[in-house]
Amino acid sequence: MAGSNQTRVVISGIGVVSPIGIGIDAFWRNICSGKSGIDRLQTFPNGNLPSKLAAEVKDFQPEIHLYNKKFLKVMSRDIQLGVSAASDAVRNAGIKEGVVDPERFGVSFGAGHIPTTPDELVEAVKHCAEHDTFEITRWGEGVMGQITPLWMLRQLPNMPACHISIEHNAQGPNNTITSQDSSALLALSEAMRWIKRGAVDCMIVGACTSNINPVDLSRKNLIDLLSRDEDPKRACRPFDRDRDGTILGEGAAAFVVENYDHAVRRGAEIYAEVIGLGAGCDGRASSDNNHQNDTGLVRAIESAMRQANLNPGQLGHINAHGKSTKIDDQVEARAYHRLFGDDATKIPITALKSYFGHFDAGSGAVELAASILSLRHNATPATLNYETPDPLCNLNVVHGEARPLSIPTAMSVSRTAFGQSAAAILRAI
């Protein structure tokens, strides 16, 4: 058995805050019923935005999840999502005070760009305005006093990990991964290395992102490939021939990652074992690869498969990056064909951004949660809106309804627009 002579690393707790459910029960139930979290943007007016749909987390009350509620005033939406997911994961793992040695309890968490919201700076900007111009000299002369001294703490990407460590007295290693979509899997890889070398017994791992704010939505409408479809039921269509872009969303997922022996000693419920992790980057682009190449993803999956000691026929499913843009899906499919040859058309593939859109670091974490739960429930979720196969992808995309998971392994992959890729392979235990 892979890893039998080495330290084994397992998942013993899961927390999810997503557009299709808060908590693992609601999350899995809505995936199985094919319920999409994509709808018309509600948080603020969207009339001037080309893409008017989003996947928002509804009915989110962070004070229900957090222990240290006094910190909410210095938490942005992203941070609230991430810390709440982490608190749920720790509860789910049955970790209470005294269960884990604080010095052997760490945090590795993914986050992205956390923009300020316009209302946080509006008073300061007003004091610099005169006759429809902005007087920059006034900013340093006295306007800085109009901004709360703790303003910056809401924007720093390392703050989710900081708050999580304070919340759970995790005094061990603490790090933040800011590598967009691949952040969660890279954080998991870092945690696995710490556990395997004996530096810690237990880690809180995950990632969070909220793209649902005026600054991020406006920026990404200009630079990202977002769907212009006005029907939320069909807008996000990974690997479908008629896809026209992705949909922005928000969410977080967190995991308690633990030394197997430590988990057994404390009587923990174990969801899955992490048996393979890999990472890779595309490097320098060439002129004949449609402006993107698949080298990083190929290297990441090769590394994970080698570590797990699996062949393609031993994969129960691939939880694809499936961003739902023309180029990203084609590049991903090309990587699978390079890696697996004819087996690329046989391995079941699911693409869950069709349920909750794309939100950088956070979406990779939420997808990983779905793969872990699929092992628990022996089912591969169906991809929504997959109606017309894209001949340039030619993959075995699970659609229509969930498919039984005949092999108790799953691979989750993430890839960034800059070519950083990561892959994780898990096995039921």
Protein backbone atom coordinates (compact mmCIF):
# COMPACT_ATOMS: atom_id res chain seq x y z
CA MET A 1 0.00 0.00 0.00
CA ALA A 2 1.33 3.43 -0.95
CA GLY A 3 2.91 5.20 1.96
CA SER A 4 2.71 2.15 4.26
CA ASN A 5 6.37 2.53 5.32
CA GLN A 6 6.12 6.27 5.77
CA THR A 7 4.20 8.74 7.90
CA ARG A 8 0.64 8.72 6.61
CA VAL A 9 -1.34 11.96 6.29
CA VAL A 10 -5.14 12.04 6.55
CA ILE A 11 -8.06 14.46 6.47
CA SER A 12 -9.98 14.38 9.76
CA GLY A 13 -12.13 17.51 9.50
CA ILE A 14 -13.86 19.56 6.79
CA GLY A 15 -15.52 22.99 6.82
CA VAL A 16 -17.24 24.58 3.82
CA VAL A 17 -18.77 28.02 3.27
CA SER A 18 -19.97 28.12 -0.33
CA PRO A 19 -22.66 29.46 -2.68
CA ILE A 20 -24.33 26.04 -2.65
CA GLY A 21 -24.30 25.48 1.06
CA ILE A 22 -22.71 26.33 4.39
CA GLY A 23 -21.55 23.18 6.17
CA ILE A 24 -20.68 19.86 4.59
CA ASP A 25 -24.17 18.36 4.81
CA ALA A 26 -25.90 21.20 2.94
CA PHE A 27 -22.99 21.45 0.50
CA TRP A 28 -23.04 17.77 -0.44
CA ARG A 29 -26.84 17.59 -0.54
CA ASN A 30 -27.04 20.47 -3.02
CA ILE A 31 -24.30 19.01 -5.21
CA CYS A 32 -26.15 15.71 -5.38
CA SER A 33 -29.42 17.44 -6.26
CA GLY A 34 -27.77 19.54 -8.99
CA LYS A 35 -28.53 22.85 -7.30
CA SER A 36 -26.54 25.74 -8.74
CA GLY A 37 -25.37 28.68 -6.64
CA ILE A 38 -25.11 30.97 -9.65
CA ASP A 39 -27.73 33.71 -9.88
CA ARG A 40 -28.15 37.38 -10.69
CA LEU A 41 -25.80 39.56 -8.66
CA GLN A 42 -27.70 40.87 -5.64
CA THR A 43 -25.12 42.59 -3.42
CA PHE A 44 -24.96 45.84 -5.41
CA PRO A 45 -26.27 47.30 -8.70
CA ASN A 46 -24.87 45.54 -11.75
CA GLY A 47 -26.39 47.52 -14.62
CA ASN A 48 -23.02 48.72 -15.93
CA LEU A 49 -21.30 45.34 -15.74
CA PRO A 50 -21.08 43.18 -18.88
CA SER A 51 -21.38 40.04 -16.74
CA LYS A 52 -24.39 40.37 -14.44
CA LEU A 53 -24.28 36.96 -12.78
CA ALA A 54 -22.38 35.77 -9.73
CA ALA A 55 -22.25 32.95 -7.20
CA GLU A 56 -22.80 34.58 -3.81
CA VAL A 57 -22.80 32.97 -0.37
CA LYS A 58 -26.27 33.70 0.96
CA ASP A 59 -27.43 33.80 4.58
CA PHE A 60 -23.84 33.86 5.85
CA GLN A 61 -23.60 34.89 9.50
CA PRO A 62 -19.93 34.75 10.54
CA GLU A 63 -20.68 35.31 14.22
CA ILE A 64 -22.27 31.84 14.31
CA HIS A 65 -19.00 30.21 13.27
CA LEU A 66 -16.31 32.28 15.01
CA TYR A 67 -15.13 31.97 18.60
CA ASN A 68 -13.45 35.41 18.77
CA LYS A 69 -16.29 37.59 17.51
CA LYS A 70 -14.51 40.80 18.52
CA PHE A 71 -12.17 40.36 15.53
CA LEU A 72 -14.99 40.66 12.99
CA LYS A 73 -14.46 44.42 12.75
CA VAL A 74 -11.01 43.87 11.24
CA MET A 75 -12.04 41.03 8.92
CA SER A 76 -12.88 41.54 5.27
CA ARG A 77 -15.44 39.27 3.64
CA ASP A 78 -12.65 36.95 2.43
CA ILE A 79 -11.24 36.58 5.93
CA GLN A 80 -14.65 35.96 7.48
CA LEU A 81 -15.32 33.17 4.99
CA GLY A 82 -11.94 31.52 5.59
CA VAL A 83 -11.92 31.73 9.38
CA SER A 84 -15.51 30.46 9.54
CA ALA A 85 -14.66 27.46 7.35
CA ALA A 86 -11.63 26.72 9.53
CA SER A 87 -13.66 26.88 12.73
CA ASP A 88 -16.21 24.47 11.24
CA ALA A 89 -13.40 22.10 10.17
CA VAL A 90 -11.88 22.08 13.67
CA ARG A 91 -15.29 21.38 15.23
CA ASN A 92 -15.94 18.66 12.65
CA ALA A 93 -12.60 17.07 13.56
CA GLY A 94 -13.53 17.00 17.24
CA ILE A 95 -10.54 19.07 18.27
CA LYS A 96 -11.07 20.86 21.56
CA GLU A 97 -8.64 22.61 23.89
CA GLY A 98 -5.98 20.20 25.08
CA VAL A 99 -6.53 17.63 22.32
CA VAL A 100 -3.57 18.83 20.22
CA ASP A 101 -0.26 20.20 21.54
CA PRO A 102 -0.43 23.91 20.49
CA GLU A 103 3.25 23.91 19.49
CA ARG A 104 2.59 21.00 17.12
CA PHE A 105 -0.54 22.54 15.62
CA GLY A 106 -0.02 24.73 12.55
CA VAL A 107 -1.78 26.61 9.77
CA SER A 108 -1.14 26.71 6.02
CA PHE A 109 -3.81 28.74 4.25
CA GLY A 110 -4.38 30.12 0.79
CA ALA A 111 -5.67 33.59 -0.01
CA GLY A 112 -5.63 36.04 -2.86
CA HIS A 113 -5.87 39.72 -3.55
CA ILE A 114 -8.25 41.25 -0.99
CA PRO A 115 -9.38 44.63 -2.34
CA THR A 116 -10.70 47.44 -0.22
CA THR A 117 -14.30 48.50 -0.70
CA PRO A 118 -15.07 52.06 -1.84
CA ASP A 119 -16.98 52.95 1.34
CA GLU A 120 -13.84 52.40 3.44
CA LEU A 121 -12.03 55.29 1.75
CA VAL A 122 -14.87 57.58 0.67
CA GLU A 123 -14.50 60.11 3.51
CA ALA A 124 -10.78 60.42 2.99
CA VAL A 125 -11.22 60.91 -0.75
CA LYS A 126 -13.84 63.62 -0.17
CA HIS A 127 -11.30 65.63 1.81
CA CYS A 128 -8.93 65.56 -1.16
CA ALA A 129 -11.54 66.64 -3.69
CA GLU A 130 -11.78 70.21 -4.94
CA HIS A 131 -13.53 71.47 -8.08
CA ASP A 132 -13.83 67.96 -9.53
CA THR A 133 -10.10 67.30 -9.09
CA PHE A 134 -8.12 65.17 -6.65
CA GLU A 135 -5.51 67.09 -4.66
CA ILE A 136 -2.92 64.45 -3.86
CA THR A 137 -0.94 66.72 -1.51
CA ARG A 138 -3.86 66.81 0.91
CA TRP A 139 -3.60 63.05 1.43
CA GLY A 140 -0.43 63.31 3.46
CA GLU A 141 -1.24 66.66 5.03
CA GLY A 142 -4.14 65.46 7.14
CA VAL A 143 -6.46 63.08 5.35
CA MET A 144 -4.69 59.95 6.59
CA GLY A 145 -6.38 60.58 9.92
CA GLN A 146 -9.75 59.90 8.29
CA ILE A 147 -8.79 56.25 7.78
CA THR A 148 -9.07 53.83 10.68
CA PRO A 149 -5.61 52.72 11.90
CA LEU A 150 -6.62 49.07 11.50
CA TRP A 151 -7.78 49.48 7.90
CA MET A 152 -4.83 47.56 6.43
CA LEU A 153 -5.57 44.49 8.55
CA ARG A 154 -8.67 43.89 6.44
CA GLN A 155 -6.67 43.69 3.21
CA LEU A 156 -3.58 41.60 4.02
CA PRO A 157 -3.71 38.08 2.51
CA ASN A 158 -1.84 36.59 5.49
CA MET A 159 -4.61 37.62 7.90
CA PRO A 160 -6.82 34.52 7.42
CA ALA A 161 -3.95 32.32 8.64
CA CYS A 162 -3.22 34.75 11.49
CA HIS A 163 -6.82 34.82 12.70
CA ILE A 164 -7.12 31.05 12.40
CA SER A 165 -4.00 30.48 14.50
CA ILE A 166 -5.29 32.86 17.19
CA GLU A 167 -8.76 31.30 17.09
CA HIS A 168 -7.44 27.78 17.71
CA ASN A 169 -4.19 28.48 19.59
CA ALA A 170 -2.19 26.91 16.77
CA GLN A 171 1.33 27.94 17.74
CA GLY A 172 3.17 25.79 15.21
CA PRO A 173 4.24 26.65 11.64
CA ASN A 174 2.09 29.33 10.01
CA ASN A 175 2.19 30.31 6.37
CA THR A 176 0.06 31.87 3.64
CA ILE A 177 0.06 30.73 0.01
CA THR A 178 -0.91 33.37 -2.55
CA SER A 179 -0.92 31.47 -5.83
CA GLN A 180 -4.47 32.08 -7.01
CA ASP A 181 -6.39 28.92 -7.90
CA SER A 182 -3.63 26.52 -6.89
CA SER A 183 -3.23 27.99 -3.37
CA ALA A 184 -5.30 25.40 -1.50
CA LEU A 185 -3.51 22.39 -2.97
CA LEU A 186 -0.11 24.02 -2.47
CA ALA A 187 -1.06 24.73 1.15
CA LEU A 188 -2.02 21.06 1.53
CA SER A 189 1.32 20.05 0.06
CA GLU A 190 3.18 22.25 2.52
CA ALA A 191 1.21 20.85 5.45
CA MET A 192 1.93 17.31 4.30
CA ARG A 193 5.67 18.01 4.25
CA TRP A 194 5.58 19.43 7.79
CA ILE A 195 3.68 16.40 9.08
CA LYS A 196 5.89 13.88 7.29
CA ARG A 197 9.08 15.35 8.68
CA GLY A 198 7.64 15.24 12.19
CA ALA A 199 7.46 18.99 12.82
CA VAL A 200 3.72 18.93 13.62
CA ASP A 201 0.93 16.51 14.43
CA CYS A 202 -1.93 18.49 12.94
CA MET A 203 -2.49 21.37 10.49
CA ILE A 204 -5.41 23.55 9.47
CA VAL A 205 -5.34 23.89 5.69
CA GLY A 206 -7.61 25.65 3.21
CA ALA A 207 -8.22 28.80 1.20
CA CYS A 208 -10.71 31.64 0.88
CA THR A 209 -11.66 34.30 -1.66
CA SER A 210 -14.54 36.67 -2.32
CA ASN A 211 -14.78 38.27 -5.74
CA ILE A 212 -18.16 39.75 -4.81
CA ASN A 213 -17.25 43.39 -4.33
CA PRO A 214 -17.40 46.39 -6.70
CA VAL A 215 -13.63 46.68 -7.13
CA ASP A 216 -12.95 43.04 -7.97
CA LEU A 217 -16.02 42.60 -10.16
CA SER A 218 -15.24 45.72 -12.16
CA ARG A 219 -11.59 44.75 -12.58
CA LYS A 220 -12.29 41.16 -13.57
CA ASN A 221 -14.98 42.24 -16.05
CA LEU A 222 -12.17 44.07 -17.83
CA ILE A 223 -9.41 41.45 -17.69
CA ASP A 224 -11.02 38.02 -17.26
CA LEU A 225 -13.04 35.85 -19.63
CA LEU A 226 -16.47 36.10 -18.00
CA SER A 227 -19.66 34.67 -19.42
CA ARG A 228 -22.09 37.19 -20.91
CA ASP A 229 -24.96 34.70 -20.70
CA GLU A 230 -27.90 36.12 -18.74
CA ASP A 231 -29.37 32.74 -17.84
CA PRO A 232 -27.85 31.67 -14.50
CA LYS A 233 -28.97 28.09 -15.07
CA ARG A 234 -26.63 27.59 -18.02
CA ALA A 235 -23.99 30.33 -17.82
CA CYS A 236 -21.06 28.28 -16.49
CA ARG A 237 -20.50 25.32 -18.85
CA PRO A 238 -17.11 23.62 -18.35
CA PHE A 239 -15.95 21.57 -21.36
CA ASP A 240 -19.21 22.25 -23.22
CA ARG A 241 -18.79 23.35 -26.83
CA ASP A 242 -20.93 26.47 -26.29
CA ARG A 243 -19.21 27.82 -23.16
CA ASP A 244 -18.38 31.52 -23.33
CA GLY A 245 -16.61 32.23 -20.05
CA THR A 246 -16.64 31.71 -16.33
CA ILE A 247 -18.72 33.24 -13.54
CA LEU A 248 -17.25 34.94 -10.47
CA GLY A 249 -18.08 33.73 -7.00
CA GLU A 250 -16.92 33.53 -3.41
CA GLY A 251 -16.35 30.90 -0.78
CA ALA A 252 -13.92 28.99 1.38
CA ALA A 253 -13.13 25.51 2.57
CA ALA A 254 -10.81 24.28 5.29
CA PHE A 255 -9.48 20.93 6.42
CA VAL A 256 -7.86 19.42 9.45
CA VAL A 257 -4.86 17.52 8.08
CA GLU A 258 -3.30 15.13 10.53
CA ASN A 259 -0.70 12.47 11.15
CA TYR A 260 -2.59 9.18 10.79
CA ASP A 261 -1.27 7.73 14.05
CA HIS A 262 -2.16 10.92 15.93
CA ALA A 263 -5.69 10.83 14.49
CA VAL A 264 -6.16 7.18 15.47
CA ARG A 265 -4.90 7.77 19.02
CA ARG A 266 -7.46 10.49 19.62
CA GLY A 267 -10.28 8.48 18.01
CA ALA A 268 -10.83 10.86 15.10
CA GLU A 269 -13.16 10.13 12.21
CA ILE A 270 -11.01 9.96 9.08
CA TYR A 271 -12.40 11.10 5.72
CA ALA A 272 -9.51 10.25 3.41
CA GLU A 273 -5.78 9.74 3.13
CA VAL A 274 -3.62 12.10 1.07
CA ILE A 275 -1.45 9.80 -1.05
CA GLY A 276 -0.05 12.08 -3.73
CA LEU A 277 0.69 15.77 -4.28
CA GLY A 278 2.41 17.51 -7.14
CA ALA A 279 3.05 20.98 -8.52
CA GLY A 280 4.41 22.44 -11.73
CA CYS A 281 4.61 25.63 -13.76
CA ASP A 282 4.38 26.20 -17.49
CA GLY A 283 7.52 28.30 -17.71
CA ARG A 284 8.29 30.25 -20.86
CA ALA A 285 5.48 30.20 -23.43
CA SER A 286 6.16 29.23 -27.03
CA SER A 287 4.57 30.65 -30.14
CA ASP A 288 2.69 27.49 -31.12
CA ASN A 289 0.73 26.70 -27.96
CA ASN A 290 -2.31 28.98 -28.29
CA HIS A 291 -0.66 31.40 -25.83
CA GLN A 292 -0.97 28.86 -23.03
CA ASN A 293 0.66 25.50 -22.55
CA ASP A 294 -0.08 22.54 -20.36
CA THR A 295 3.42 21.73 -19.12
CA GLY A 296 2.82 22.78 -15.52
CA LEU A 297 -0.35 20.71 -15.20
CA VAL A 298 1.32 17.69 -16.80
CA ARG A 299 4.26 17.92 -14.37
CA ALA A 300 1.96 18.38 -11.37
CA ILE A 301 -0.16 15.33 -12.19
CA GLU A 302 2.88 13.20 -13.08
CA SER A 303 4.40 14.01 -9.70
CA ALA A 304 1.20 13.27 -7.79
CA MET A 305 0.63 9.98 -9.65
CA ARG A 306 4.22 8.89 -9.05
CA GLN A 307 4.00 9.69 -5.34
CA ALA A 308 0.68 7.84 -5.06
CA ASN A 309 2.06 4.91 -7.09
CA LEU A 310 -1.08 4.81 -9.25
CA ASN A 311 -1.72 4.24 -12.93
CA PRO A 312 -4.56 6.03 -14.82
CA GLY A 313 -6.93 3.08 -14.46
CA GLN A 314 -6.73 3.42 -10.66
CA LEU A 315 -8.24 6.94 -10.57
CA GLY A 316 -11.86 7.01 -9.46
CA HIS A 317 -12.36 10.50 -10.85
CA ILE A 318 -10.63 13.75 -11.70
CA ASN A 319 -12.09 16.89 -10.16
CA ALA A 320 -11.06 19.20 -12.97
CA HIS A 321 -10.11 22.86 -12.84
CA GLY A 322 -12.86 23.32 -15.47
CA LYS A 323 -12.86 27.12 -15.60
CA SER A 324 -15.39 27.20 -18.46
CA THR A 325 -13.37 29.39 -20.82
CA LYS A 326 -12.54 28.19 -24.32
CA ILE A 327 -8.76 28.24 -23.92
CA ASP A 328 -8.46 27.07 -20.29
CA ASP A 329 -10.63 23.99 -20.79
CA GLN A 330 -8.84 23.04 -24.01
CA VAL A 331 -5.41 23.39 -22.39
CA GLU A 332 -6.54 21.24 -19.46
CA ALA A 333 -8.01 18.57 -21.72
CA ARG A 334 -4.81 18.54 -23.77
CA ALA A 335 -2.82 17.84 -20.60
CA TYR A 336 -4.99 14.81 -19.78
CA HIS A 337 -4.52 13.42 -23.28
CA ARG A 338 -0.75 13.93 -23.09
CA LEU A 339 -0.64 12.16 -19.73
CA PHE A 340 -3.11 9.34 -20.13
CA GLY A 341 -3.44 8.72 -23.88
CA ASP A 342 -6.55 6.64 -24.64
CA ASP A 343 -7.35 6.47 -20.91
CA ALA A 344 -8.14 10.20 -20.98
CA THR A 345 -11.51 9.37 -22.51
CA LYS A 346 -12.26 6.76 -19.82
CA ILE A 347 -11.47 8.45 -16.50
CA PRO A 348 -14.61 10.11 -15.09
CA ILE A 349 -14.20 13.88 -14.89
CA THR A 350 -16.33 16.36 -12.99
CA ALA A 351 -16.12 20.17 -13.14
CA LEU A 352 -17.76 21.83 -10.15
CA LYS A 353 -17.35 25.47 -11.09
CA SER A 354 -20.58 24.82 -12.95
CA TYR A 355 -22.22 24.96 -9.48
CA PHE A 356 -20.40 27.82 -7.78
CA GLY A 357 -18.30 29.69 -10.32
CA HIS A 358 -14.68 30.70 -10.09
CA PHE A 359 -13.13 32.44 -7.09
CA ASP A 360 -9.40 31.88 -7.31
CA ALA A 361 -7.89 30.38 -4.14
CA GLY A 362 -11.24 29.62 -2.53
CA SER A 363 -12.66 27.63 -5.42
CA GLY A 364 -9.72 25.20 -5.37
CA ALA A 365 -10.42 24.53 -1.69
CA VAL A 366 -14.16 24.02 -2.19
CA GLU A 367 -13.48 21.62 -5.08
CA LEU A 368 -11.12 19.63 -2.87
CA ALA A 369 -13.85 19.38 -0.23
CA ALA A 370 -16.19 17.92 -2.84
CA SER A 371 -13.67 15.25 -3.84
CA ILE A 372 -13.14 14.23 -0.21
CA LEU A 373 -16.89 13.98 0.33
CA SER A 374 -17.27 12.00 -2.89
CA LEU A 375 -14.98 9.37 -1.39
CA ARG A 376 -17.11 9.33 1.75
CA HIS A 377 -20.35 8.90 -0.24
CA ASN A 378 -18.98 6.77 -3.11
CA ALA A 379 -20.29 9.11 -5.79
CA THR A 380 -18.82 11.42 -8.42
CA PRO A 381 -20.90 14.61 -8.75
CA ALA A 382 -22.31 15.50 -12.14
CA THR A 383 -21.12 18.55 -14.09
CA LEU A 384 -23.95 21.01 -14.68
CA ASN A 385 -24.80 22.44 -18.12
CA TYR A 386 -22.75 19.90 -20.06
CA GLU A 387 -24.97 19.43 -23.11
CA THR A 388 -22.83 19.51 -26.24
CA PRO A 389 -19.36 17.91 -25.93
CA ASP A 390 -16.49 19.99 -27.21
CA PRO A 391 -14.60 17.81 -29.75
CA LEU A 392 -11.41 19.69 -28.83
CA CYS A 393 -11.68 18.38 -25.27
CA ASN A 394 -13.00 14.80 -25.76
CA LEU A 395 -13.26 13.80 -22.11
CA ASN A 396 -15.50 11.49 -20.08
CA VAL A 397 -17.40 14.31 -18.35
CA VAL A 398 -19.88 13.08 -15.74
CA HIS A 399 -23.19 14.84 -16.38
CA GLY A 400 -26.92 14.38 -15.94
CA GLU A 401 -26.66 12.73 -12.54
CA ALA A 402 -24.02 11.65 -10.05
CA ARG A 403 -22.15 8.50 -10.99
CA PRO A 404 -21.13 5.75 -8.53
CA LEU A 405 -17.47 5.94 -7.60
CA SER A 406 -16.22 2.46 -8.45
CA ILE A 407 -12.60 3.11 -7.44
CA PRO A 408 -12.01 4.76 -4.02
CA THR A 409 -9.51 7.37 -5.20
CA ALA A 410 -9.94 10.93 -6.47
CA MET A 411 -7.66 13.53 -7.95
CA SER A 412 -8.33 17.27 -7.63
CA VAL A 413 -6.42 19.69 -9.86
CA SER A 414 -6.07 23.46 -10.04
CA ARG A 415 -4.35 25.71 -12.54
CA THR A 416 -3.78 29.47 -12.68
CA ALA A 417 -3.84 31.80 -15.67
CA PHE A 418 -0.07 32.20 -15.15
CA GLY A 419 0.54 28.46 -15.50
CA GLN A 420 1.05 27.42 -11.86
CA SER A 421 -0.62 24.05 -11.38
CA ALA A 422 -1.17 21.65 -8.51
CA ALA A 423 -2.69 18.19 -8.13
CA ALA A 424 -3.74 16.18 -5.09
CA ILE A 425 -4.71 12.50 -4.97
CA LEU A 426 -6.79 11.12 -2.10
CA ARG A 427 -7.94 7.67 -1.15
CA ALA A 428 -10.81 6.49 0.99
CA ILE A 429 -9.71 4.91 4.23
